[in-house]
Amino acid sequence: MIRGYGQYWKHVVSNRRLAIWTIMFFSKLVKHLKHLHQKKSWKWITKRYFRKPNHGGNDRWTLTCPLTNIQTVEDVLD
């Protein structure tokens, strides 16, 4: 009975955990970028490092290398 209950709710719990990790990762990334460019505004940082995905989509918060335009590991492997 307990095992079935855990299996039923496992996706909800993992979704919450993933959301927490995403927020933590993004906040550390923001802190690092602000430390890297202390005299630049947040608008300049977002314009330089965050772009829309190469494969399409509406998410403009995809971390992108400003020099090579690489966004994910898959781009490196292709």
PDB file of N, CA and C in Angstrom:
ATOM      1  N   MET A   1       0.825  -1.203   0.000  1.00  0.00           N
ATOM      2  CA  MET A   1       0.000   0.000   0.000  1.00  0.00           C
ATOM      3  C   MET A   1       0.868   1.265   0.000  1.00  0.00           C
ATOM      4  N   ILE A   2       1.890   1.300   0.846  1.00  0.00           N
ATOM      5  CA  ILE A   2       2.761   2.475   0.917  1.00  0.00           C
ATOM      6  C   ILE A   2       3.572   2.603  -0.368  1.00  0.00           C
ATOM      7  N   ARG A   3       4.044   1.501  -0.904  1.00  0.00           N
ATOM      8  CA  ARG A   3       4.831   1.532  -2.128  1.00  0.00           C
ATOM      9  C   ARG A   3       3.988   2.091  -3.284  1.00  0.00           C
ATOM     10  N   GLY A   4       2.759   1.709  -3.396  1.00  0.00           N
ATOM     11  CA  GLY A   4       1.875   2.216  -4.440  1.00  0.00           C
ATOM     12  C   GLY A   4       1.620   3.706  -4.283  1.00  0.00           C
ATOM     13  N   TYR A   5       1.475   4.176  -3.049  1.00  0.00           N
ATOM     14  CA  TYR A   5       1.265   5.587  -2.774  1.00  0.00           C
ATOM     15  C   TYR A   5       2.490   6.390  -3.200  1.00  0.00           C
ATOM     16  N   GLY A   6       3.669   5.873  -2.893  1.00  0.00           N
ATOM     17  CA  GLY A   6       4.905   6.542  -3.292  1.00  0.00           C
ATOM     18  C   GLY A   6       5.066   6.586  -4.800  1.00  0.00           C
ATOM     19  N   GLN A   7       4.718   5.505  -5.471  1.00  0.00           N
ATOM     20  CA  GLN A   7       4.796   5.475  -6.932  1.00  0.00           C
ATOM     21  C   GLN A   7       3.816   6.466  -7.565  1.00  0.00           C
ATOM     22  N   TYR A   8       2.663   6.624  -6.946  1.00  0.00           N
ATOM     23  CA  TYR A   8       1.656   7.536  -7.484  1.00  0.00           C
ATOM     24  C   TYR A   8       2.125   8.987  -7.407  1.00  0.00           C
ATOM     25  N   TRP A   9       2.763   9.368  -6.299  1.00  0.00           N
ATOM     26  CA  TRP A   9       3.142  10.755  -6.070  1.00  0.00           C
ATOM     27  C   TRP A   9       4.581  11.075  -6.466  1.00  0.00           C
ATOM     28  N   LYS A  10       5.350  10.133  -7.007  1.00  0.00           N
ATOM     29  CA  LYS A  10       6.772  10.376  -7.258  1.00  0.00           C
ATOM     30  C   LYS A  10       7.013  11.493  -8.268  1.00  0.00           C
ATOM     31  N   HIS A  11       6.139  11.668  -9.255  1.00  0.00           N
ATOM     32  CA  HIS A  11       6.345  12.707 -10.257  1.00  0.00           C
ATOM     33  C   HIS A  11       6.130  14.101  -9.672  1.00  0.00           C
ATOM     34  N   VAL A  12       5.199  14.246  -8.766  1.00  0.00           N
ATOM     35  CA  VAL A  12       4.933  15.536  -8.139  1.00  0.00           C
ATOM     36  C   VAL A  12       6.118  15.948  -7.280  1.00  0.00           C
ATOM     37  N   VAL A  13       6.642  15.019  -6.516  1.00  0.00           N
ATOM     38  CA  VAL A  13       7.763  15.318  -5.632  1.00  0.00           C
ATOM     39  C   VAL A  13       9.002  15.664  -6.452  1.00  0.00           C
ATOM     40  N   SER A  14       9.274  14.899  -7.504  1.00  0.00           N
ATOM     41  CA  SER A  14      10.450  15.183  -8.326  1.00  0.00           C
ATOM     42  C   SER A  14      10.286  16.510  -9.061  1.00  0.00           C
ATOM     43  N   ASN A  15       9.084  16.870  -9.437  1.00  0.00           N
ATOM     44  CA  ASN A  15       8.854  18.140 -10.104  1.00  0.00           C
ATOM     45  C   ASN A  15       9.155  19.300  -9.165  1.00  0.00           C
ATOM     46  N   ARG A  16       8.762  19.197  -7.926  1.00  0.00           N
ATOM     47  CA  ARG A  16       9.059  20.246  -6.936  1.00  0.00           C
ATOM     48  C   ARG A  16      10.557  20.351  -6.720  1.00  0.00           C
ATOM     49  N   ARG A  17      11.216  19.214  -6.589  1.00  0.00           N
ATOM     50  CA  ARG A  17      12.662  19.205  -6.363  1.00  0.00           C
ATOM     51  C   ARG A  17      13.389  19.820  -7.558  1.00  0.00           C
ATOM     52  N   LEU A  18      12.981  19.488  -8.762  1.00  0.00           N
ATOM     53  CA  LEU A  18      13.596  20.042  -9.961  1.00  0.00           C
ATOM     54  C   LEU A  18      13.386  21.549 -10.030  1.00  0.00           C
ATOM     55  N   ALA A  19      12.227  22.022  -9.645  1.00  0.00           N
ATOM     56  CA  ALA A  19      11.960  23.457  -9.640  1.00  0.00           C
ATOM     57  C   ALA A  19      12.872  24.168  -8.638  1.00  0.00           C
ATOM     58  N   ILE A  20      13.095  23.572  -7.485  1.00  0.00           N
ATOM     59  CA  ILE A  20      13.988  24.157  -6.480  1.00  0.00           C
ATOM     60  C   ILE A  20      15.413  24.211  -7.009  1.00  0.00           C
ATOM     61  N   TRP A  21      15.871  23.123  -7.626  1.00  0.00           N
ATOM     62  CA  TRP A  21      17.225  23.092  -8.189  1.00  0.00           C
ATOM     63  C   TRP A  21      17.390  24.112  -9.306  1.00  0.00           C
ATOM     64  N   THR A  22      16.359  24.292 -10.115  1.00  0.00           N
ATOM     65  CA  THR A  22      16.416  25.264 -11.205  1.00  0.00           C
ATOM     66  C   THR A  22      16.563  26.676 -10.665  1.00  0.00           C
ATOM     67  N   ILE A  23      15.805  27.002  -9.642  1.00  0.00           N
ATOM     68  CA  ILE A  23      15.889  28.328  -9.024  1.00  0.00           C
ATOM     69  C   ILE A  23      17.264  28.534  -8.404  1.00  0.00           C
ATOM     70  N   MET A  24      17.779  27.520  -7.717  1.00  0.00           N
ATOM     71  CA  MET A  24      19.097  27.630  -7.092  1.00  0.00           C
ATOM     72  C   MET A  24      20.192  27.811  -8.144  1.00  0.00           C
ATOM     73  N   PHE A  25      20.132  27.029  -9.222  1.00  0.00           N
ATOM     74  CA  PHE A  25      21.129  27.137 -10.276  1.00  0.00           C
ATOM     75  C   PHE A  25      21.088  28.514 -10.930  1.00  0.00           C
ATOM     76  N   PHE A  26      19.894  29.001 -11.238  1.00  0.00           N
ATOM     77  CA  PHE A  26      19.761  30.292 -11.899  1.00  0.00           C
ATOM     78  C   PHE A  26      20.266  31.424 -10.999  1.00  0.00           C
ATOM     79  N   SER A  27      19.979  31.355  -9.701  1.00  0.00           N
ATOM     80  CA  SER A  27      20.446  32.411  -8.798  1.00  0.00           C
ATOM     81  C   SER A  27      21.969  32.403  -8.693  1.00  0.00           C
ATOM     82  N   LYS A  28      22.592  31.232  -8.660  1.00  0.00           N
ATOM     83  CA  LYS A  28      24.054  31.160  -8.637  1.00  0.00           C
ATOM     84  C   LYS A  28      24.644  31.665  -9.955  1.00  0.00           C
ATOM     85  N   LEU A  29      23.989  31.363 -11.061  1.00  0.00           N
ATOM     86  CA  LEU A  29      24.444  31.839 -12.360  1.00  0.00           C
ATOM     87  C   LEU A  29      24.369  33.362 -12.433  1.00  0.00           C
ATOM     88  N   VAL A  30      23.283  33.943 -11.957  1.00  0.00           N
ATOM     89  CA  VAL A  30      23.122  35.396 -11.944  1.00  0.00           C
ATOM     90  C   VAL A  30      24.207  36.028 -11.077  1.00  0.00           C
ATOM     91  N   LYS A  31      24.456  35.456  -9.924  1.00  0.00           N
ATOM     92  CA  LYS A  31      25.486  35.978  -9.026  1.00  0.00           C
ATOM     93  C   LYS A  31      26.861  35.948  -9.702  1.00  0.00           C
ATOM     94  N   HIS A  32      27.157  34.856 -10.396  1.00  0.00           N
ATOM     95  CA  HIS A  32      28.442  34.732 -11.080  1.00  0.00           C
ATOM     96  C   HIS A  32      28.568  35.753 -12.210  1.00  0.00           C
ATOM     97  N   LEU A  33      27.523  35.903 -13.002  1.00  0.00           N
ATOM     98  CA  LEU A  33      27.580  36.853 -14.119  1.00  0.00           C
ATOM     99  C   LEU A  33      27.696  38.291 -13.623  1.00  0.00           C
ATOM    100  N   LYS A  34      27.023  38.621 -12.533  1.00  0.00           N
ATOM    101  CA  LYS A  34      27.137  39.967 -11.973  1.00  0.00           C
ATOM    102  C   LYS A  34      28.534  40.203 -11.402  1.00  0.00           C
ATOM    103  N   HIS A  35      29.141  39.161 -10.849  1.00  0.00           N
ATOM    104  CA  HIS A  35      30.507  39.285 -10.347  1.00  0.00           C
ATOM    105  C   HIS A  35      31.497  39.413 -11.507  1.00  0.00           C
ATOM    106  N   LEU A  36      31.234  38.710 -12.589  1.00  0.00           N
ATOM    107  CA  LEU A  36      32.100  38.733 -13.763  1.00  0.00           C
ATOM    108  C   LEU A  36      32.088  40.103 -14.442  1.00  0.00           C
ATOM    109  N   HIS A  37      30.929  40.754 -14.479  1.00  0.00           N
ATOM    110  CA  HIS A  37      30.773  42.063 -15.117  1.00  0.00           C
ATOM    111  C   HIS A  37      30.192  43.036 -14.094  1.00  0.00           C
ATOM    112  N   GLN A  38      31.009  43.466 -13.176  1.00  0.00           N
ATOM    113  CA  GLN A  38      30.534  44.284 -12.064  1.00  0.00           C
ATOM    114  C   GLN A  38      30.050  45.665 -12.497  1.00  0.00           C
ATOM    115  N   LYS A  39      30.614  46.213 -13.544  1.00  0.00           N
ATOM    116  CA  LYS A  39      30.262  47.571 -13.943  1.00  0.00           C
ATOM    117  C   LYS A  39      29.206  47.629 -15.042  1.00  0.00           C
ATOM    118  N   LYS A  40      28.678  46.476 -15.425  1.00  0.00           N
ATOM    119  CA  LYS A  40      27.663  46.424 -16.477  1.00  0.00           C
ATOM    120  C   LYS A  40      26.279  46.260 -15.855  1.00  0.00           C
ATOM    121  N   SER A  41      25.269  46.723 -16.573  1.00  0.00           N
ATOM    122  CA  SER A  41      23.899  46.610 -16.075  1.00  0.00           C
ATOM    123  C   SER A  41      23.358  45.199 -16.328  1.00  0.00           C
ATOM    124  N   TRP A  42      22.278  44.862 -15.619  1.00  0.00           N
ATOM    125  CA  TRP A  42      21.644  43.556 -15.800  1.00  0.00           C
ATOM    126  C   TRP A  42      21.085  43.427 -17.211  1.00  0.00           C
ATOM    127  N   LYS A  43      20.619  44.520 -17.778  1.00  0.00           N
ATOM    128  CA  LYS A  43      20.104  44.508 -19.149  1.00  0.00           C
ATOM    129  C   LYS A  43      21.212  44.123 -20.128  1.00  0.00           C
ATOM    130  N   TRP A  44      22.412  44.656 -19.946  1.00  0.00           N
ATOM    131  CA  TRP A  44      23.538  44.323 -20.814  1.00  0.00           C
ATOM    132  C   TRP A  44      23.920  42.853 -20.666  1.00  0.00           C
ATOM    133  N   ILE A  45      23.926  42.350 -19.433  1.00  0.00           N
ATOM    134  CA  ILE A  45      24.284  40.945 -19.173  1.00  0.00           C
ATOM    135  C   ILE A  45      23.279  40.011 -19.842  1.00  0.00           C
ATOM    136  N   THR A  46      21.986  40.292 -19.697  1.00  0.00           N
ATOM    137  CA  THR A  46      20.979  39.415 -20.302  1.00  0.00           C
ATOM    138  C   THR A  46      21.043  39.460 -21.823  1.00  0.00           C
ATOM    139  N   LYS A  47      21.321  40.623 -22.373  1.00  0.00           N
ATOM    140  CA  LYS A  47      21.425  40.736 -23.823  1.00  0.00           C
ATOM    141  C   LYS A  47      22.616  39.943 -24.356  1.00  0.00           C
ATOM    142  N   ARG A  48      23.682  39.881 -23.592  1.00  0.00           N
ATOM    143  CA  ARG A  48      24.897  39.193 -24.017  1.00  0.00           C
ATOM    144  C   ARG A  48      24.827  37.685 -23.816  1.00  0.00           C
ATOM    145  N   TYR A  49      24.269  37.225 -22.698  1.00  0.00           N
ATOM    146  CA  TYR A  49      24.356  35.814 -22.328  1.00  0.00           C
ATOM    147  C   TYR A  49      23.083  34.996 -22.514  1.00  0.00           C
ATOM    148  N   PHE A  50      21.943  35.632 -22.656  1.00  0.00           N
ATOM    149  CA  PHE A  50      20.693  34.889 -22.777  1.00  0.00           C
ATOM    150  C   PHE A  50      20.038  35.200 -24.120  1.00  0.00           C
ATOM    151  N   ARG A  51      19.753  34.148 -24.887  1.00  0.00           N
ATOM    152  CA  ARG A  51      19.125  34.304 -26.200  1.00  0.00           C
ATOM    153  C   ARG A  51      18.052  33.247 -26.385  1.00  0.00           C
ATOM    154  N   LYS A  52      17.303  33.395 -27.460  1.00  0.00           N
ATOM    155  CA  LYS A  52      16.316  32.366 -27.801  1.00  0.00           C
ATOM    156  C   LYS A  52      17.051  31.117 -28.281  1.00  0.00           C
ATOM    157  N   PRO A  53      16.452  29.945 -28.115  1.00  0.00           N
ATOM    158  CA  PRO A  53      17.109  28.708 -28.550  1.00  0.00           C
ATOM    159  C   PRO A  53      17.346  28.677 -30.053  1.00  0.00           C
ATOM    160  N   ASN A  54      18.445  28.036 -30.459  1.00  0.00           N
ATOM    161  CA  ASN A  54      18.759  27.907 -31.885  1.00  0.00           C
ATOM    162  C   ASN A  54      17.726  27.056 -32.612  1.00  0.00           C
ATOM    163  N   HIS A  55      17.145  26.094 -31.913  1.00  0.00           N
ATOM    164  CA  HIS A  55      16.191  25.174 -32.526  1.00  0.00           C
ATOM    165  C   HIS A  55      14.783  25.742 -32.597  1.00  0.00           C
ATOM    166  N   GLY A  56      14.591  26.959 -32.137  1.00  0.00           N
ATOM    167  CA  GLY A  56      13.274  27.588 -32.150  1.00  0.00           C
ATOM    168  C   GLY A  56      12.661  27.568 -30.765  1.00  0.00           C
ATOM    169  N   GLY A  57      11.592  28.267 -30.607  1.00  0.00           N
ATOM    170  CA  GLY A  57      10.928  28.330 -29.313  1.00  0.00           C
ATOM    171  C   GLY A  57      10.849  29.761 -28.821  1.00  0.00           C
ATOM    172  N   ASN A  58      10.120  29.962 -27.751  1.00  0.00           N
ATOM    173  CA  ASN A  58       9.889  31.298 -27.225  1.00  0.00           C
ATOM    174  C   ASN A  58      10.687  31.604 -25.969  1.00  0.00           C
ATOM    175  N   ASP A  59      11.406  30.634 -25.423  1.00  0.00           N
ATOM    176  CA  ASP A  59      12.157  30.845 -24.188  1.00  0.00           C
ATOM    177  C   ASP A  59      13.409  31.657 -24.492  1.00  0.00           C
ATOM    178  N   ARG A  60      13.461  32.890 -24.018  1.00  0.00           N
ATOM    179  CA  ARG A  60      14.626  33.720 -24.293  1.00  0.00           C
ATOM    180  C   ARG A  60      15.672  33.625 -23.189  1.00  0.00           C
ATOM    181  N   TRP A  61      15.477  32.756 -22.226  1.00  0.00           N
ATOM    182  CA  TRP A  61      16.406  32.600 -21.113  1.00  0.00           C
ATOM    183  C   TRP A  61      17.330  31.408 -21.306  1.00  0.00           C
ATOM    184  N   THR A  62      17.712  31.118 -22.531  1.00  0.00           N
ATOM    185  CA  THR A  62      18.640  30.037 -22.808  1.00  0.00           C
ATOM    186  C   THR A  62      20.054  30.593 -22.724  1.00  0.00           C
ATOM    187  N   LEU A  63      20.842  30.030 -21.815  1.00  0.00           N
ATOM    188  CA  LEU A  63      22.219  30.487 -21.627  1.00  0.00           C
ATOM    189  C   LEU A  63      23.016  30.186 -22.886  1.00  0.00           C
ATOM    190  N   THR A  64      23.682  31.207 -23.421  1.00  0.00           N
ATOM    191  CA  THR A  64      24.396  31.096 -24.687  1.00  0.00           C
ATOM    192  C   THR A  64      25.793  31.686 -24.542  1.00  0.00           C
ATOM    193  N   CYS A  65      26.784  30.990 -25.051  1.00  0.00           N
ATOM    194  CA  CYS A  65      28.140  31.520 -25.068  1.00  0.00           C
ATOM    195  C   CYS A  65      28.189  32.688 -26.045  1.00  0.00           C
ATOM    196  N   PRO A  66      28.647  33.871 -25.616  1.00  0.00           N
ATOM    197  CA  PRO A  66      28.641  35.024 -26.517  1.00  0.00           C
ATOM    198  C   PRO A  66      29.661  34.911 -27.650  1.00  0.00           C
ATOM    199  N   LEU A  67      30.689  34.098 -27.487  1.00  0.00           N
ATOM    200  CA  LEU A  67      31.733  33.993 -28.509  1.00  0.00           C
ATOM    201  C   LEU A  67      31.432  32.936 -29.561  1.00  0.00           C
ATOM    202  N   THR A  68      30.943  31.777 -29.116  1.00  0.00           N
ATOM    203  CA  THR A  68      30.738  30.656 -30.039  1.00  0.00           C
ATOM    204  C   THR A  68      29.276  30.390 -30.356  1.00  0.00           C
ATOM    205  N   ASN A  69      28.352  31.031 -29.645  1.00  0.00           N
ATOM    206  CA  ASN A  69      26.914  30.848 -29.825  1.00  0.00           C
ATOM    207  C   ASN A  69      26.464  29.426 -29.472  1.00  0.00           C
ATOM    208  N   ILE A  70      27.236  28.726 -28.645  1.00  0.00           N
ATOM    209  CA  ILE A  70      26.873  27.379 -28.204  1.00  0.00           C
ATOM    210  C   ILE A  70      25.892  27.493 -27.039  1.00  0.00           C
ATOM    211  N   GLN A  71      24.818  26.700 -27.104  1.00  0.00           N
ATOM    212  CA  GLN A  71      23.795  26.758 -26.072  1.00  0.00           C
ATOM    213  C   GLN A  71      23.722  25.496 -25.236  1.00  0.00           C
ATOM    214  N   THR A  72      23.909  24.341 -25.816  1.00  0.00           N
ATOM    215  CA  THR A  72      23.777  23.101 -25.066  1.00  0.00           C
ATOM    216  C   THR A  72      24.899  22.150 -25.439  1.00  0.00           C
ATOM    217  N   VAL A  73      24.976  21.039 -24.733  1.00  0.00           N
ATOM    218  CA  VAL A  73      25.970  20.022 -25.017  1.00  0.00           C
ATOM    219  C   VAL A  73      25.743  19.418 -26.399  1.00  0.00           C
ATOM    220  N   GLU A  74      24.486  19.300 -26.819  1.00  0.00           N
ATOM    221  CA  GLU A  74      24.168  18.738 -28.118  1.00  0.00           C
ATOM    222  C   GLU A  74      24.771  19.576 -29.245  1.00  0.00           C
ATOM    223  N   ASP A  75      24.841  20.929 -29.068  1.00  0.00           N
ATOM    224  CA  ASP A  75      25.436  21.782 -30.087  1.00  0.00           C
ATOM    225  C   ASP A  75      26.929  21.492 -30.243  1.00  0.00           C
ATOM    226  N   VAL A  76      27.598  21.145 -29.144  1.00  0.00           N
ATOM    227  CA  VAL A  76      29.020  20.842 -29.183  1.00  0.00           C
ATOM    228  C   VAL A  76      29.254  19.527 -29.916  1.00  0.00           C
ATOM    229  N   LEU A  77      28.367  18.557 -29.700  1.00  0.00           N
ATOM    230  CA  LEU A  77      28.552  17.230 -30.283  1.00  0.00           C
ATOM    231  C   LEU A  77      28.226  17.197 -31.760  1.00  0.00           C
ATOM    232  N   ASP A  78      27.426  18.100 -32.273  1.00  0.00           N
ATOM    233  CA  ASP A  78      27.042  18.094 -33.691  1.00  0.00           C
ATOM    234  C   ASP A  78      28.157  18.603 -34.573  1.00  0.00           C
TER     235      ASP A  78
END
